């Protein structure tokens, strides 16, 4: 069993996407957030259930799709670390997944 840990940037990105959708359809935004949390929660039981992003086929990163979003994570020991949430039409940039280094 794995623990799911959301990073602050991933939560901020999800909130930004939901706020944008809520401008026109508040119920759709709420349903999207619920569906994403429900989908990510399954990583507790099945941390390998995501697939490798097509842009990074041989990387340590995995992703889940909850249309219109892609949720990126990596598994470290017994932790599924949620790193990035983005709209599916945006282009993935590897640096977005790299953790910030403390100076």
PDB file of N, CA and C in Angstrom:
ATOM      1  N   UNK A   1       0.846  -1.181   0.000  1.00  0.00           N
ATOM      2  CA  UNK A   1       0.000   0.000   0.000  1.00  0.00           C
ATOM      3  C   UNK A   1       0.889   1.240   0.000  1.00  0.00           C
ATOM      4  N   UNK A   2       0.500   2.229  -0.801  1.00  0.00           N
ATOM      5  CA  UNK A   2       1.288   3.449  -0.926  1.00  0.00           C
ATOM      6  C   UNK A   2       0.532   4.626  -0.324  1.00  0.00           C
ATOM      7  N   UNK A   3       1.283   5.582   0.168  1.00  0.00           N
ATOM      8  CA  UNK A   3       0.702   6.831   0.644  1.00  0.00           C
ATOM      9  C   UNK A   3       0.709   7.821  -0.517  1.00  0.00           C
ATOM     10  N   UNK A   4      -0.385   8.512  -0.744  1.00  0.00           N
ATOM     11  CA  UNK A   4      -0.456   9.537  -1.777  1.00  0.00           C
ATOM     12  C   UNK A   4      -0.144  10.884  -1.139  1.00  0.00           C
ATOM     13  N   UNK A   5       0.846  11.581  -1.709  1.00  0.00           N
ATOM     14  CA  UNK A   5       1.245  12.904  -1.201  1.00  0.00           C
ATOM     15  C   UNK A   5       1.189  13.892  -2.359  1.00  0.00           C
ATOM     16  N   UNK A   6       0.379  14.910  -2.179  1.00  0.00           N
ATOM     17  CA  UNK A   6       0.276  15.978  -3.175  1.00  0.00           C
ATOM     18  C   UNK A   6       1.307  17.060  -2.870  1.00  0.00           C
ATOM     19  N   UNK A   7       2.029  17.512  -3.888  1.00  0.00           N
ATOM     20  CA  UNK A   7       2.916  18.662  -3.708  1.00  0.00           C
ATOM     21  C   UNK A   7       2.068  19.932  -3.787  1.00  0.00           C
ATOM     22  N   UNK A   8       2.562  21.002  -3.178  1.00  0.00           N
ATOM     23  CA  UNK A   8       1.850  22.276  -3.240  1.00  0.00           C
ATOM     24  C   UNK A   8       1.665  22.760  -4.679  1.00  0.00           C
ATOM     25  N   UNK A   9       2.702  22.680  -5.537  1.00  0.00           N
ATOM     26  CA  UNK A   9       2.490  23.124  -6.927  1.00  0.00           C
ATOM     27  C   UNK A   9       1.383  22.335  -7.638  1.00  0.00           C
ATOM     28  N   UNK A  10       1.296  21.037  -7.411  1.00  0.00           N
ATOM     29  CA  UNK A  10       0.254  20.242  -8.061  1.00  0.00           C
ATOM     30  C   UNK A  10      -1.134  20.667  -7.582  1.00  0.00           C
ATOM     31  N   UNK A  11      -1.277  20.910  -6.290  1.00  0.00           N
ATOM     32  CA  UNK A  11      -2.562  21.381  -5.766  1.00  0.00           C
ATOM     33  C   UNK A  11      -2.913  22.757  -6.325  1.00  0.00           C
ATOM     34  N   UNK A  12      -1.926  23.621  -6.436  1.00  0.00           N
ATOM     35  CA  UNK A  12      -2.147  24.952  -7.001  1.00  0.00           C
ATOM     36  C   UNK A  12      -2.584  24.859  -8.460  1.00  0.00           C
ATOM     37  N   UNK A  13      -1.950  23.965  -9.212  1.00  0.00           N
ATOM     38  CA  UNK A  13      -2.298  23.799 -10.622  1.00  0.00           C
ATOM     39  C   UNK A  13      -3.716  23.272 -10.783  1.00  0.00           C
ATOM     40  N   UNK A  14      -4.096  22.307  -9.937  1.00  0.00           N
ATOM     41  CA  UNK A  14      -5.453  21.780  -9.979  1.00  0.00           C
ATOM     42  C   UNK A  14      -6.462  22.879  -9.640  1.00  0.00           C
ATOM     43  N   UNK A  15      -6.152  23.665  -8.633  1.00  0.00           N
ATOM     44  CA  UNK A  15      -7.045  24.757  -8.248  1.00  0.00           C
ATOM     45  C   UNK A  15      -7.201  25.769  -9.388  1.00  0.00           C
ATOM     46  N   UNK A  16      -6.114  26.093 -10.055  1.00  0.00           N
ATOM     47  CA  UNK A  16      -6.158  27.048 -11.163  1.00  0.00           C
ATOM     48  C   UNK A  16      -7.044  26.528 -12.300  1.00  0.00           C
ATOM     49  N   UNK A  17      -6.890  25.251 -12.635  1.00  0.00           N
ATOM     50  CA  UNK A  17      -7.706  24.641 -13.689  1.00  0.00           C
ATOM     51  C   UNK A  17      -9.172  24.657 -13.286  1.00  0.00           C
ATOM     52  N   UNK A  18      -9.458  24.275 -12.053  1.00  0.00           N
ATOM     53  CA  UNK A  18     -10.850  24.236 -11.577  1.00  0.00           C
ATOM     54  C   UNK A  18     -11.466  25.638 -11.561  1.00  0.00           C
ATOM     55  N   UNK A  19     -10.705  26.632 -11.144  1.00  0.00           N
ATOM     56  CA  UNK A  19     -11.231  27.991 -11.117  1.00  0.00           C
ATOM     57  C   UNK A  19     -11.574  28.478 -12.518  1.00  0.00           C
ATOM     58  N   UNK A  20     -10.758  28.125 -13.489  1.00  0.00           N
ATOM     59  CA  UNK A  20     -11.017  28.527 -14.870  1.00  0.00           C
ATOM     60  C   UNK A  20     -12.300  27.867 -15.387  1.00  0.00           C
ATOM     61  N   UNK A  21     -12.443  26.578 -15.144  1.00  0.00           N
ATOM     62  CA  UNK A  21     -13.638  25.861 -15.586  1.00  0.00           C
ATOM     63  C   UNK A  21     -14.875  26.410 -14.874  1.00  0.00           C
ATOM     64  N   UNK A  22     -14.733  26.749 -13.603  1.00  0.00           N
ATOM     65  CA  UNK A  22     -15.859  27.239 -12.798  1.00  0.00           C
ATOM     66  C   UNK A  22     -16.396  28.580 -13.292  1.00  0.00           C
ATOM     67  N   UNK A  23     -15.617  29.315 -14.054  1.00  0.00           N
ATOM     68  CA  UNK A  23     -16.117  30.588 -14.589  1.00  0.00           C
ATOM     69  C   UNK A  23     -17.383  30.368 -15.413  1.00  0.00           C
ATOM     70  N   UNK A  24     -17.440  29.260 -16.149  1.00  0.00           N
ATOM     71  CA  UNK A  24     -18.605  28.948 -16.974  1.00  0.00           C
ATOM     72  C   UNK A  24     -19.478  27.850 -16.384  1.00  0.00           C
ATOM     73  N   UNK A  25     -18.839  26.876 -15.725  1.00  0.00           N
ATOM     74  CA  UNK A  25     -19.584  25.705 -15.245  1.00  0.00           C
ATOM     75  C   UNK A  25     -19.074  25.276 -13.869  1.00  0.00           C
ATOM     76  N   UNK A  26     -19.562  25.904 -12.817  1.00  0.00           N
ATOM     77  CA  UNK A  26     -19.098  25.553 -11.466  1.00  0.00           C
ATOM     78  C   UNK A  26     -19.286  24.077 -11.124  1.00  0.00           C
ATOM     79  N   UNK A  27     -20.385  23.471 -11.525  1.00  0.00           N
ATOM     80  CA  UNK A  27     -20.609  22.063 -11.193  1.00  0.00           C
ATOM     81  C   UNK A  27     -19.619  21.161 -11.920  1.00  0.00           C
ATOM     82  N   UNK A  28     -19.255  21.521 -13.145  1.00  0.00           N
ATOM     83  CA  UNK A  28     -18.268  20.732 -13.884  1.00  0.00           C
ATOM     84  C   UNK A  28     -16.905  20.809 -13.201  1.00  0.00           C
ATOM     85  N   UNK A  29     -16.556  21.979 -12.696  1.00  0.00           N
ATOM     86  CA  UNK A  29     -15.280  22.138 -11.992  1.00  0.00           C
ATOM     87  C   UNK A  29     -15.260  21.290 -10.726  1.00  0.00           C
ATOM     88  N   UNK A  30     -16.339  21.331  -9.981  1.00  0.00           N
ATOM     89  CA  UNK A  30     -16.434  20.536  -8.753  1.00  0.00           C
ATOM     90  C   UNK A  30     -16.350  19.045  -9.055  1.00  0.00           C
ATOM     91  N   UNK A  31     -17.064  18.603 -10.078  1.00  0.00           N
ATOM     92  CA  UNK A  31     -17.023  17.183 -10.467  1.00  0.00           C
ATOM     93  C   UNK A  31     -15.637  16.764 -10.920  1.00  0.00           C
ATOM     94  N   UNK A  32     -14.943  17.633 -11.642  1.00  0.00           N
ATOM     95  CA  UNK A  32     -13.593  17.319 -12.095  1.00  0.00           C
ATOM     96  C   UNK A  32     -12.661  17.108 -10.905  1.00  0.00           C
ATOM     97  N   UNK A  33     -12.703  18.011  -9.948  1.00  0.00           N
ATOM     98  CA  UNK A  33     -11.832  17.902  -8.770  1.00  0.00           C
ATOM     99  C   UNK A  33     -12.132  16.615  -8.010  1.00  0.00           C
ATOM    100  N   UNK A  34     -13.407  16.304  -7.815  1.00  0.00           N
ATOM    101  CA  UNK A  34     -13.780  15.064  -7.127  1.00  0.00           C
ATOM    102  C   UNK A  34     -13.271  13.837  -7.873  1.00  0.00           C
ATOM    103  N   UNK A  35     -13.420  13.847  -9.193  1.00  0.00           N
ATOM    104  CA  UNK A  35     -12.976  12.710  -9.996  1.00  0.00           C
ATOM    105  C   UNK A  35     -11.461  12.558  -9.944  1.00  0.00           C
ATOM    106  N   UNK A  36     -10.747  13.665  -9.997  1.00  0.00           N
ATOM    107  CA  UNK A  36      -9.282  13.600  -9.924  1.00  0.00           C
ATOM    108  C   UNK A  36      -8.839  13.047  -8.580  1.00  0.00           C
ATOM    109  N   UNK A  37      -9.414  13.549  -7.486  1.00  0.00           N
ATOM    110  CA  UNK A  37      -9.014  13.035  -6.175  1.00  0.00           C
ATOM    111  C   UNK A  37      -9.360  11.556  -6.027  1.00  0.00           C
ATOM    112  N   UNK A  38     -10.493  11.155  -6.547  1.00  0.00           N
ATOM    113  CA  UNK A  38     -10.894   9.751  -6.484  1.00  0.00           C
ATOM    114  C   UNK A  38      -9.945   8.869  -7.295  1.00  0.00           C
ATOM    115  N   UNK A  39      -9.581   9.331  -8.474  1.00  0.00           N
ATOM    116  CA  UNK A  39      -8.665   8.577  -9.333  1.00  0.00           C
ATOM    117  C   UNK A  39      -7.286   8.469  -8.696  1.00  0.00           C
ATOM    118  N   UNK A  40      -6.782   9.581  -8.172  1.00  0.00           N
ATOM    119  CA  UNK A  40      -5.457   9.591  -7.547  1.00  0.00           C
ATOM    120  C   UNK A  40      -5.450   8.717  -6.291  1.00  0.00           C
ATOM    121  N   UNK A  41      -6.550   8.701  -5.570  1.00  0.00           N
ATOM    122  CA  UNK A  41      -6.644   7.889  -4.353  1.00  0.00           C
ATOM    123  C   UNK A  41      -6.406   6.398  -4.649  1.00  0.00           C
ATOM    124  N   UNK A  42      -6.751   5.962  -5.843  1.00  0.00           N
ATOM    125  CA  UNK A  42      -6.529   4.557  -6.220  1.00  0.00           C
ATOM    126  C   UNK A  42      -5.048   4.180  -6.230  1.00  0.00           C
ATOM    127  N   UNK A  43      -4.177   5.184  -6.308  1.00  0.00           N
ATOM    128  CA  UNK A  43      -2.739   4.907  -6.277  1.00  0.00           C
ATOM    129  C   UNK A  43      -2.319   4.292  -4.943  1.00  0.00           C
ATOM    130  N   UNK A  44      -3.123   4.497  -3.904  1.00  0.00           N
ATOM    131  CA  UNK A  44      -2.810   3.878  -2.614  1.00  0.00           C
ATOM    132  C   UNK A  44      -2.742   2.361  -2.768  1.00  0.00           C
ATOM    133  N   UNK A  45      -3.672   1.806  -3.515  1.00  0.00           N
ATOM    134  CA  UNK A  45      -3.712   0.358  -3.727  1.00  0.00           C
ATOM    135  C   UNK A  45      -2.907  -0.075  -4.952  1.00  0.00           C
ATOM    136  N   UNK A  46      -2.869   0.776  -5.975  1.00  0.00           N
ATOM    137  CA  UNK A  46      -2.239   0.408  -7.239  1.00  0.00           C
ATOM    138  C   UNK A  46      -1.290   1.511  -7.708  1.00  0.00           C
ATOM    139  N   UNK A  47      -0.157   1.699  -7.027  1.00  0.00           N
ATOM    140  CA  UNK A  47       0.735   2.817  -7.353  1.00  0.00           C
ATOM    141  C   UNK A  47       1.390   2.717  -8.734  1.00  0.00           C
ATOM    142  N   UNK A  48       1.364   1.551  -9.333  1.00  0.00           N
ATOM    143  CA  UNK A  48       1.950   1.399 -10.667  1.00  0.00           C
ATOM    144  C   UNK A  48       0.896   1.511 -11.769  1.00  0.00           C
ATOM    145  N   UNK A  49      -0.333   1.902 -11.415  1.00  0.00           N
ATOM    146  CA  UNK A  49      -1.426   1.864 -12.383  1.00  0.00           C
ATOM    147  C   UNK A  49      -1.336   2.933 -13.472  1.00  0.00           C
ATOM    148  N   UNK A  50      -0.604   3.979 -13.232  1.00  0.00           N
ATOM    149  CA  UNK A  50      -0.424   4.986 -14.277  1.00  0.00           C
ATOM    150  C   UNK A  50       0.498   4.462 -15.366  1.00  0.00           C
ATOM    151  N   UNK A  51       0.604   5.217 -16.430  1.00  0.00           N
ATOM    152  CA  UNK A  51       1.497   4.806 -17.521  1.00  0.00           C
ATOM    153  C   UNK A  51       2.583   5.863 -17.727  1.00  0.00           C
ATOM    154  N   UNK A  52       3.632   5.467 -18.420  1.00  0.00           N
ATOM    155  CA  UNK A  52       4.725   6.400 -18.710  1.00  0.00           C
ATOM    156  C   UNK A  52       4.221   7.462 -19.686  1.00  0.00           C
ATOM    157  N   UNK A  53       4.527   8.724 -19.435  1.00  0.00           N
ATOM    158  CA  UNK A  53       4.119   9.758 -20.386  1.00  0.00           C
ATOM    159  C   UNK A  53       4.797   9.515 -21.733  1.00  0.00           C
ATOM    160  N   UNK A  54       4.083   9.689 -22.828  1.00  0.00           N
ATOM    161  CA  UNK A  54       4.686   9.468 -24.145  1.00  0.00           C
ATOM    162  C   UNK A  54       5.933  10.319 -24.386  1.00  0.00           C
ATOM    163  N   UNK A  55       5.959  11.520 -23.790  1.00  0.00           N
ATOM    164  CA  UNK A  55       7.119  12.406 -23.967  1.00  0.00           C
ATOM    165  C   UNK A  55       8.339  11.926 -23.184  1.00  0.00           C
ATOM    166  N   UNK A  56       8.126  11.075 -22.170  1.00  0.00           N
ATOM    167  CA  UNK A  56       9.202  10.612 -21.296  1.00  0.00           C
ATOM    168  C   UNK A  56       9.089   9.095 -21.100  1.00  0.00           C
ATOM    169  N   UNK A  57       9.235   8.324 -22.155  1.00  0.00           N
ATOM    170  CA  UNK A  57       8.946   6.887 -22.066  1.00  0.00           C
ATOM    171  C   UNK A  57       9.836   6.100 -21.105  1.00  0.00           C
ATOM    172  N   UNK A  58      11.061   6.505 -20.897  1.00  0.00           N
ATOM    173  CA  UNK A  58      11.978   5.746 -20.043  1.00  0.00           C
ATOM    174  C   UNK A  58      12.295   6.482 -18.745  1.00  0.00           C
ATOM    175  N   UNK A  59      11.342   7.253 -18.256  1.00  0.00           N
ATOM    176  CA  UNK A  59      11.610   8.046 -17.058  1.00  0.00           C
ATOM    177  C   UNK A  59      11.002   7.401 -15.824  1.00  0.00           C
ATOM    178  N   UNK A  60      11.232   8.022 -14.694  1.00  0.00           N
ATOM    179  CA  UNK A  60      10.661   7.563 -13.425  1.00  0.00           C
ATOM    180  C   UNK A  60       9.234   8.076 -13.234  1.00  0.00           C
ATOM    181  N   UNK A  61       8.781   8.940 -14.132  1.00  0.00           N
ATOM    182  CA  UNK A  61       7.473   9.563 -13.997  1.00  0.00           C
ATOM    183  C   UNK A  61       6.383   8.712 -14.626  1.00  0.00           C
ATOM    184  N   UNK A  62       5.196   8.818 -14.038  1.00  0.00           N
ATOM    185  CA  UNK A  62       4.011   8.139 -14.554  1.00  0.00           C
ATOM    186  C   UNK A  62       2.895   9.167 -14.591  1.00  0.00           C
ATOM    187  N   UNK A  63       1.842   8.843 -15.325  1.00  0.00           N
ATOM    188  CA  UNK A  63       0.733   9.783 -15.396  1.00  0.00           C
ATOM    189  C   UNK A  63      -0.606   9.065 -15.376  1.00  0.00           C
ATOM    190  N   UNK A  64      -1.595   9.816 -14.934  1.00  0.00           N
ATOM    191  CA  UNK A  64      -2.991   9.400 -14.962  1.00  0.00           C
ATOM    192  C   UNK A  64      -3.742  10.429 -15.802  1.00  0.00           C
ATOM    193  N   UNK A  65      -4.755   9.983 -16.519  1.00  0.00           N
ATOM    194  CA  UNK A  65      -5.619  10.891 -17.273  1.00  0.00           C
ATOM    195  C   UNK A  65      -6.969  10.992 -16.604  1.00  0.00           C
ATOM    196  N   UNK A  66      -7.406  12.195 -16.391  1.00  0.00           N
ATOM    197  CA  UNK A  66      -8.786  12.484 -16.031  1.00  0.00           C
ATOM    198  C   UNK A  66      -9.133  13.667 -16.927  1.00  0.00           C
ATOM    199  N   UNK A  67      -9.713  13.383 -18.034  1.00  0.00           N
ATOM    200  CA  UNK A  67      -9.948  14.417 -19.044  1.00  0.00           C
ATOM    201  C   UNK A  67     -10.706  15.596 -18.458  1.00  0.00           C
ATOM    202  N   UNK A  68     -10.209  16.796 -18.677  1.00  0.00           N
ATOM    203  CA  UNK A  68      -9.185  17.218 -19.615  1.00  0.00           C
ATOM    204  C   UNK A  68      -7.799  17.376 -18.983  1.00  0.00           C
ATOM    205  N   UNK A  69      -7.505  16.613 -17.948  1.00  0.00           N
ATOM    206  CA  UNK A  69      -6.246  16.800 -17.223  1.00  0.00           C
ATOM    207  C   UNK A  69      -5.340  15.579 -17.287  1.00  0.00           C
ATOM    208  N   UNK A  70      -4.062  15.871 -17.152  1.00  0.00           N
ATOM    209  CA  UNK A  70      -3.027  14.849 -16.975  1.00  0.00           C
ATOM    210  C   UNK A  70      -2.430  15.088 -15.588  1.00  0.00           C
ATOM    211  N   UNK A  71      -2.307  14.009 -14.826  1.00  0.00           N
ATOM    212  CA  UNK A  71      -1.764  14.090 -13.474  1.00  0.00           C
ATOM    213  C   UNK A  71      -0.465  13.301 -13.459  1.00  0.00           C
ATOM    214  N   UNK A  72       0.636  13.965 -13.144  1.00  0.00           N
ATOM    215  CA  UNK A  72       1.954  13.332 -13.168  1.00  0.00           C
ATOM    216  C   UNK A  72       2.418  13.016 -11.744  1.00  0.00           C
ATOM    217  N   UNK A  73       3.021  11.859 -11.603  1.00  0.00           N
ATOM    218  CA  UNK A  73       3.518  11.445 -10.291  1.00  0.00           C
ATOM    219  C   UNK A  73       4.736  10.558 -10.462  1.00  0.00           C
ATOM    220  N   UNK A  74       5.389  10.315  -9.350  1.00  0.00           N
ATOM    221  CA  UNK A  74       6.456   9.315  -9.323  1.00  0.00           C
ATOM    222  C   UNK A  74       6.314   8.544  -8.022  1.00  0.00           C
ATOM    223  N   UNK A  75       6.718   7.310  -8.067  1.00  0.00           N
ATOM    224  CA  UNK A  75       6.642   6.449  -6.898  1.00  0.00           C
ATOM    225  C   UNK A  75       8.015   6.403  -6.252  1.00  0.00           C
ATOM    226  N   UNK A  76       8.059   6.702  -4.964  1.00  0.00           N
ATOM    227  CA  UNK A  76       9.289   6.632  -4.181  1.00  0.00           C
ATOM    228  C   UNK A  76       8.994   5.748  -2.979  1.00  0.00           C
ATOM    229  N   UNK A  77       9.599   4.583  -2.947  1.00  0.00           N
ATOM    230  CA  UNK A  77       9.330   3.620  -1.881  1.00  0.00           C
ATOM    231  C   UNK A  77       7.821   3.382  -1.793  1.00  0.00           C
ATOM    232  N   UNK A  78       7.208   3.725  -0.675  1.00  0.00           N
ATOM    233  CA  UNK A  78       5.765   3.525  -0.501  1.00  0.00           C
ATOM    234  C   UNK A  78       4.979   4.823  -0.611  1.00  0.00           C
ATOM    235  N   UNK A  79       5.489   5.748  -1.413  1.00  0.00           N
ATOM    236  CA  UNK A  79       4.825   7.041  -1.594  1.00  0.00           C
ATOM    237  C   UNK A  79       4.595   7.290  -3.083  1.00  0.00           C
ATOM    238  N   UNK A  80       3.364   7.692  -3.420  1.00  0.00           N
ATOM    239  CA  UNK A  80       3.056   8.180  -4.762  1.00  0.00           C
ATOM    240  C   UNK A  80       3.008   9.699  -4.646  1.00  0.00           C
ATOM    241  N   UNK A  81       4.019  10.368  -5.191  1.00  0.00           N
ATOM    242  CA  UNK A  81       4.180  11.812  -5.052  1.00  0.00           C
ATOM    243  C   UNK A  81       3.569  12.512  -6.270  1.00  0.00           C
ATOM    244  N   UNK A  82       2.474  13.233  -6.045  1.00  0.00           N
ATOM    245  CA  UNK A  82       1.782  13.928  -7.130  1.00  0.00           C
ATOM    246  C   UNK A  82       2.523  15.239  -7.385  1.00  0.00           C
ATOM    247  N   UNK A  83       3.076  15.367  -8.596  1.00  0.00           N
ATOM    248  CA  UNK A  83       3.986  16.464  -8.895  1.00  0.00           C
ATOM    249  C   UNK A  83       3.399  17.584  -9.735  1.00  0.00           C
ATOM    250  N   UNK A  84       2.502  17.230 -10.664  1.00  0.00           N
ATOM    251  CA  UNK A  84       2.094  18.222 -11.649  1.00  0.00           C
ATOM    252  C   UNK A  84       0.726  17.851 -12.201  1.00  0.00           C
ATOM    253  N   UNK A  85      -0.119  18.849 -12.381  1.00  0.00           N
ATOM    254  CA  UNK A  85      -1.423  18.671 -13.013  1.00  0.00           C
ATOM    255  C   UNK A  85      -1.508  19.695 -14.134  1.00  0.00           C
ATOM    256  N   UNK A  86      -1.872  19.230 -15.320  1.00  0.00           N
ATOM    257  CA  UNK A  86      -1.954  20.154 -16.442  1.00  0.00           C
ATOM    258  C   UNK A  86      -3.103  19.783 -17.369  1.00  0.00           C
ATOM    259  N   UNK A  87      -3.557  20.737 -18.138  1.00  0.00           N
ATOM    260  CA  UNK A  87      -4.551  20.479 -19.168  1.00  0.00           C
ATOM    261  C   UNK A  87      -3.901  19.622 -20.242  1.00  0.00           C
ATOM    262  N   UNK A  88      -4.647  18.690 -20.791  1.00  0.00           N
ATOM    263  CA  UNK A  88      -4.076  17.744 -21.740  1.00  0.00           C
ATOM    264  C   UNK A  88      -3.593  18.392 -23.031  1.00  0.00           C
ATOM    265  N   UNK A  89      -4.143  19.547 -23.405  1.00  0.00           N
ATOM    266  CA  UNK A  89      -3.718  20.170 -24.657  1.00  0.00           C
ATOM    267  C   UNK A  89      -2.396  20.926 -24.526  1.00  0.00           C
ATOM    268  N   UNK A  90      -1.929  21.129 -23.315  1.00  0.00           N
ATOM    269  CA  UNK A  90      -0.642  21.811 -23.120  1.00  0.00           C
ATOM    270  C   UNK A  90       0.504  20.849 -23.361  1.00  0.00           C
ATOM    271  N   UNK A  91       1.627  21.391 -23.725  1.00  0.00           N
ATOM    272  CA  UNK A  91       2.806  20.586 -23.994  1.00  0.00           C
ATOM    273  C   UNK A  91       3.600  20.370 -22.705  1.00  0.00           C
ATOM    274  N   UNK A  92       3.980  19.125 -22.455  1.00  0.00           N
ATOM    275  CA  UNK A  92       4.753  18.802 -21.257  1.00  0.00           C
ATOM    276  C   UNK A  92       6.192  19.250 -21.415  1.00  0.00           C
ATOM    277  N   UNK A  93       6.693  19.873 -20.388  1.00  0.00           N
ATOM    278  CA  UNK A  93       8.107  20.259 -20.346  1.00  0.00           C
ATOM    279  C   UNK A  93       8.720  19.544 -19.155  1.00  0.00           C
ATOM    280  N   UNK A  94       9.798  18.844 -19.404  1.00  0.00           N
ATOM    281  CA  UNK A  94      10.411  18.015 -18.376  1.00  0.00           C
ATOM    282  C   UNK A  94      10.729  18.787 -17.103  1.00  0.00           C
ATOM    283  N   UNK A  95      11.172  20.030 -17.222  1.00  0.00           N
ATOM    284  CA  UNK A  95      11.562  20.795 -16.034  1.00  0.00           C
ATOM    285  C   UNK A  95      10.389  20.995 -15.081  1.00  0.00           C
ATOM    286  N   UNK A  96       9.167  20.896 -15.564  1.00  0.00           N
ATOM    287  CA  UNK A  96       8.010  21.052 -14.685  1.00  0.00           C
ATOM    288  C   UNK A  96       7.901  19.918 -13.677  1.00  0.00           C
ATOM    289  N   UNK A  97       8.483  18.770 -13.998  1.00  0.00           N
ATOM    290  CA  UNK A  97       8.393  17.621 -13.112  1.00  0.00           C
ATOM    291  C   UNK A  97       9.554  17.526 -12.136  1.00  0.00           C
ATOM    292  N   UNK A  98      10.628  18.217 -12.427  1.00  0.00           N
ATOM    293  CA  UNK A  98      11.807  18.142 -11.563  1.00  0.00           C
ATOM    294  C   UNK A  98      11.549  18.906 -10.270  1.00  0.00           C
ATOM    295  N   UNK A  99      11.893  18.322  -9.123  1.00  0.00           N
ATOM    296  CA  UNK A  99      11.677  19.035  -7.858  1.00  0.00           C
ATOM    297  C   UNK A  99      12.612  20.246  -7.761  1.00  0.00           C
ATOM    298  N   UNK A 100      12.124  21.259  -7.068  1.00  0.00           N
ATOM    299  CA  UNK A 100      12.964  22.436  -6.859  1.00  0.00           C
ATOM    300  C   UNK A 100      14.087  22.094  -5.895  1.00  0.00           C
ATOM    301  N   UNK A 101      15.256  22.610  -6.168  1.00  0.00           N
ATOM    302  CA  UNK A 101      16.408  22.361  -5.296  1.00  0.00           C
ATOM    303  C   UNK A 101      16.512  23.492  -4.281  1.00  0.00           C
ATOM    304  N   UNK A 102      16.693  23.116  -3.058  1.00  0.00           N
ATOM    305  CA  UNK A 102      16.888  24.130  -2.005  1.00  0.00           C
ATOM    306  C   UNK A 102      18.304  24.657  -2.070  1.00  0.00           C
ATOM    307  N   UNK A 103      18.454  25.946  -1.919  1.00  0.00           N
ATOM    308  CA  UNK A 103      19.791  26.551  -1.973  1.00  0.00           C
ATOM    309  C   UNK A 103      20.479  26.451  -0.638  1.00  0.00           C
TER     310      UNK A 103
END
